[in-house]
Protein backbone atom coordinates (compact mmCIF):
# COMPACT_ATOMS: atom_id res chain seq x y z
CA UNK A 1 65.77 -231.24 151.05
CA UNK A 2 62.47 -232.51 150.09
CA UNK A 3 59.91 -230.93 147.89
CA UNK A 4 58.10 -229.32 150.78
CA UNK A 5 61.19 -227.64 152.07
CA UNK A 6 62.14 -226.44 148.63
CA UNK A 7 58.66 -225.08 148.13
CA UNK A 8 58.79 -223.24 151.46
CA UNK A 9 62.19 -221.79 150.63
CA UNK A 10 60.84 -220.61 147.28
CA UNK A 11 57.83 -219.00 148.95
CA UNK A 12 60.11 -217.40 151.46
CA UNK A 13 62.35 -216.17 148.67
CA UNK A 14 59.39 -214.89 146.66
CA UNK A 15 57.92 -213.16 149.68
CA UNK A 16 61.30 -211.52 150.28
CA UNK A 17 61.27 -210.30 146.71
CA UNK A 18 57.82 -208.79 147.20
CA UNK A 19 58.94 -206.99 150.32
CA UNK A 20 62.02 -205.76 148.47
CA UNK A 21 59.82 -204.47 145.64
CA UNK A 22 57.54 -202.76 148.13
CA UNK A 23 60.57 -201.19 149.75
CA UNK A 24 61.97 -200.05 146.41
CA UNK A 25 58.65 -198.54 145.43
CA UNK A 26 58.35 -196.62 148.67
CA UNK A 27 61.90 -195.20 148.64
CA UNK A 28 62.01 -191.69 147.30
CA UNK A 29 65.29 -190.32 146.11
CA UNK A 30 65.90 -186.62 146.61
CA UNK A 31 67.70 -185.21 143.64
CA UNK A 32 68.08 -181.86 141.99
CA UNK A 33 68.47 -181.35 138.27
CA UNK A 34 70.50 -178.39 137.04
CA UNK A 35 71.55 -177.38 133.54
CA UNK A 36 74.83 -175.78 132.55
CA UNK A 37 75.15 -172.91 130.09
CA UNK A 38 76.42 -175.53 127.64
CA UNK A 39 73.18 -177.50 128.01
CA UNK A 40 74.62 -180.38 130.09
CA UNK A 41 72.08 -181.80 132.56
CA UNK A 42 73.59 -182.51 135.98
CA UNK A 43 71.80 -184.56 138.65
CA UNK A 44 72.73 -183.77 142.24
CA UNK A 45 71.69 -186.63 144.51
CA UNK A 46 70.71 -186.39 148.17
CA UNK A 47 74.15 -187.51 149.31
CA UNK A 48 75.83 -184.75 147.24
CA UNK A 49 77.03 -186.95 144.43
CA UNK A 50 76.79 -185.43 140.98
CA UNK A 51 75.85 -187.46 137.93
CA UNK A 52 75.74 -186.78 134.21
CA UNK A 53 73.32 -189.36 132.92
CA UNK A 54 74.39 -192.71 134.46
CA UNK A 55 78.00 -191.65 135.05
CA UNK A 56 79.71 -189.74 137.83
CA UNK A 57 80.40 -186.15 136.80
CA UNK A 58 84.07 -185.36 136.18
CA UNK A 59 85.81 -182.95 138.54
CA UNK A 60 85.62 -179.28 137.62
CA UNK A 61 83.59 -176.13 137.71
CA UNK A 62 80.24 -176.08 135.92
CA UNK A 63 78.66 -172.73 135.07
CA UNK A 64 74.91 -173.10 135.39
CA UNK A 65 72.18 -171.30 133.46
CA UNK A 66 71.63 -168.86 136.33
CA UNK A 67 75.37 -167.97 136.22
CA UNK A 68 76.05 -169.77 139.50
CA UNK A 69 79.05 -172.11 139.62
CA UNK A 70 78.87 -175.75 140.75
CA UNK A 71 82.22 -177.21 141.85
CA UNK A 72 82.57 -181.02 141.65
CA UNK A 73 85.47 -183.01 143.14
CA UNK A 74 85.65 -186.80 143.24
CA UNK A 75 82.12 -186.94 141.85
CA UNK A 76 80.74 -184.99 144.82
CA UNK A 77 79.30 -181.48 145.03
CA UNK A 78 81.93 -179.46 146.86
CA UNK A 79 80.48 -176.00 146.60
CA UNK A 80 77.90 -174.01 144.71
CA UNK A 81 78.63 -170.34 144.31
CA UNK A 82 75.41 -168.43 143.83
CA UNK A 83 75.47 -165.22 141.85
CA UNK A 84 75.42 -162.45 144.37
CA UNK A 85 72.46 -160.14 144.33
CA UNK A 86 74.86 -157.20 144.10
CA UNK A 87 75.94 -158.32 140.63
CA UNK A 88 72.31 -158.62 139.55
CA UNK A 89 71.53 -155.25 141.13
CA UNK A 90 74.53 -153.70 139.36
CA UNK A 91 73.36 -155.13 136.05
CA UNK A 92 69.87 -153.81 136.67
CA UNK A 93 71.31 -150.41 137.65
CA UNK A 94 73.35 -150.37 134.43
CA UNK A 95 70.21 -151.16 132.42
CA UNK A 96 68.33 -148.35 134.19
CA UNK A 97 71.20 -145.94 133.47
CA UNK A 98 71.23 -147.02 129.82
CA UNK A 99 67.46 -146.51 129.59
CA UNK A 100 67.75 -143.09 131.23
CA UNK A 101 70.51 -142.13 128.81
CA UNK A 102 68.36 -143.27 125.90
CA UNK A 103 65.45 -141.23 127.26
CA UNK A 104 67.73 -138.19 127.71
CA UNK A 105 68.95 -138.55 124.13
CA UNK A 106 65.36 -138.69 122.89
CA UNK A 107 64.47 -135.61 124.95
CA UNK A 108 67.53 -133.79 123.57
CA UNK A 109 66.57 -134.71 120.01
CA UNK A 110 62.98 -133.56 120.56
CA UNK A 111 64.27 -130.28 122.02
CA UNK A 112 66.53 -129.82 118.98
CA UNK A 113 63.58 -130.42 116.65
CA UNK A 114 61.45 -127.92 118.57
CA UNK A 115 64.28 -125.37 118.47
CA UNK A 116 64.84 -125.88 114.74
CA UNK A 117 61.11 -125.62 114.08
CA UNK A 118 61.00 -122.32 115.95
CA UNK A 119 63.99 -121.04 113.96
CA UNK A 120 62.38 -122.06 110.66
CA UNK A 121 59.13 -120.32 111.65
CA UNK A 122 61.15 -117.18 112.53
CA UNK A 123 62.92 -117.30 109.18
CA UNK A 124 59.62 -117.77 107.36
CA UNK A 125 58.21 -114.68 109.11
CA UNK A 126 61.33 -112.64 108.28
CA UNK A 127 61.18 -113.79 104.66
CA UNK A 128 57.48 -112.89 104.42
CA UNK A 129 58.27 -109.42 105.83
CA UNK A 130 61.09 -108.89 103.30
CA UNK A 131 58.86 -110.05 100.46
CA UNK A 132 56.15 -107.64 101.57
CA UNK A 133 58.66 -104.77 101.71
CA UNK A 134 59.94 -105.70 98.23
CA UNK A 135 56.41 -105.73 96.81
CA UNK A 136 55.67 -102.35 98.42
CA UNK A 137 58.87 -100.85 96.94
CA UNK A 138 58.10 -102.34 93.52
CA UNK A 139 54.57 -100.91 93.59
CA UNK A 140 55.91 -97.52 94.68
CA UNK A 141 58.54 -97.50 91.93
CA UNK A 142 55.99 -98.53 89.27
CA UNK A 143 53.67 -95.70 90.29
CA UNK A 144 56.60 -93.23 90.19
CA UNK A 145 57.55 -94.47 86.72
CA UNK A 146 53.95 -94.10 85.55
CA UNK A 147 53.73 -90.60 87.00
CA UNK A 148 56.97 -89.58 85.33
CA UNK A 149 55.92 -91.01 81.98
CA UNK A 150 52.72 -88.93 82.03
CA UNK A 151 54.53 -85.65 82.72
CA UNK A 152 55.99 -83.60 79.90
CA UNK A 153 59.74 -83.37 79.66
CA UNK A 154 61.28 -80.22 81.10
CA UNK A 155 63.25 -79.58 77.94
CA UNK A 156 62.21 -80.39 74.45
CA UNK A 157 64.04 -83.31 73.03
CA UNK A 158 64.81 -83.10 69.36
CA UNK A 159 65.65 -86.21 67.49
CA UNK A 160 67.29 -85.59 64.19
CA UNK A 161 67.29 -88.19 61.55
CA UNK A 162 69.47 -87.84 58.59
CA UNK A 163 69.40 -90.03 55.57
CA UNK A 164 71.65 -89.84 52.59
CA UNK A 165 69.79 -90.74 49.50
CA UNK A 166 71.71 -92.01 46.64
CA UNK A 167 70.30 -92.16 43.18
CA UNK A 168 70.76 -95.89 42.99
CA UNK A 169 68.71 -96.54 46.08
CA UNK A 170 65.97 -94.25 44.88
CA UNK A 171 65.77 -95.94 41.56
CA UNK A 172 65.58 -99.42 43.14
CA UNK A 173 62.87 -98.24 45.51
CA UNK A 174 60.99 -96.55 42.70
CA UNK A 175 61.14 -99.70 40.60
CA UNK A 176 59.81 -101.72 43.50
CA UNK A 177 57.03 -99.24 44.19
CA UNK A 178 56.06 -99.17 40.52
CA UNK A 179 56.02 -102.99 40.38
CA UNK A 180 53.65 -103.04 43.30
CA UNK A 181 51.33 -100.56 41.73
CA UNK A 182 51.12 -102.50 38.49
CA UNK A 183 50.06 -105.64 40.11
C-alpha cells in the first residue's frame, strides 16, 4: 500500500467514525427511572432490562415509592404490580372515617360542655334563691328579736344577789379605799 491508499483508507475510516458519532448522537434511548422505598434508583430500559447504576439488577421484588412492586428475573422486568385503586380508596375511606370520628368526638365534647354550663347556671340560680331565702329569714328573725326585746316581760324577773361579807374583806377594802382617798 502506498501513501495515497493509506491516506484514503484513513479518510474512509475517519468518515466512518463521523457517521458513527452522528448515529450515536441521534439515537435516543427510552428508559424509565424508578426509586424503591429504600432509595435505590432502578433504570428500566426500552428492552425491559433493569439496571442499578452500570450493573444488571439482581433478581427479586422491588417495592417502589408508590407501593407498586417491580419483579426482576434474569436482569429483565418480569412484572410490575401497580397498587390497586381499591386499596387507595380504602385508605382514603379509613381516613374519612377517622376524621368523622374525630369530628363526632369534638361535637360530643362541645355538647358535654354546653350541658355542664347549663347545669352550673341552674345551680347558680338555685344557690342565689336559697341565699335570698336565708337573708329574708335572717331579717325576719332579727326584727322579731328586736320586737321581743322592746316588749316588757310578762312576769317580773327578780334577780337576787347575795354576798357574804366577812370582816377581813371589809377591812382590806376599807384600807384600800382609805389609801386612795389620802393620795
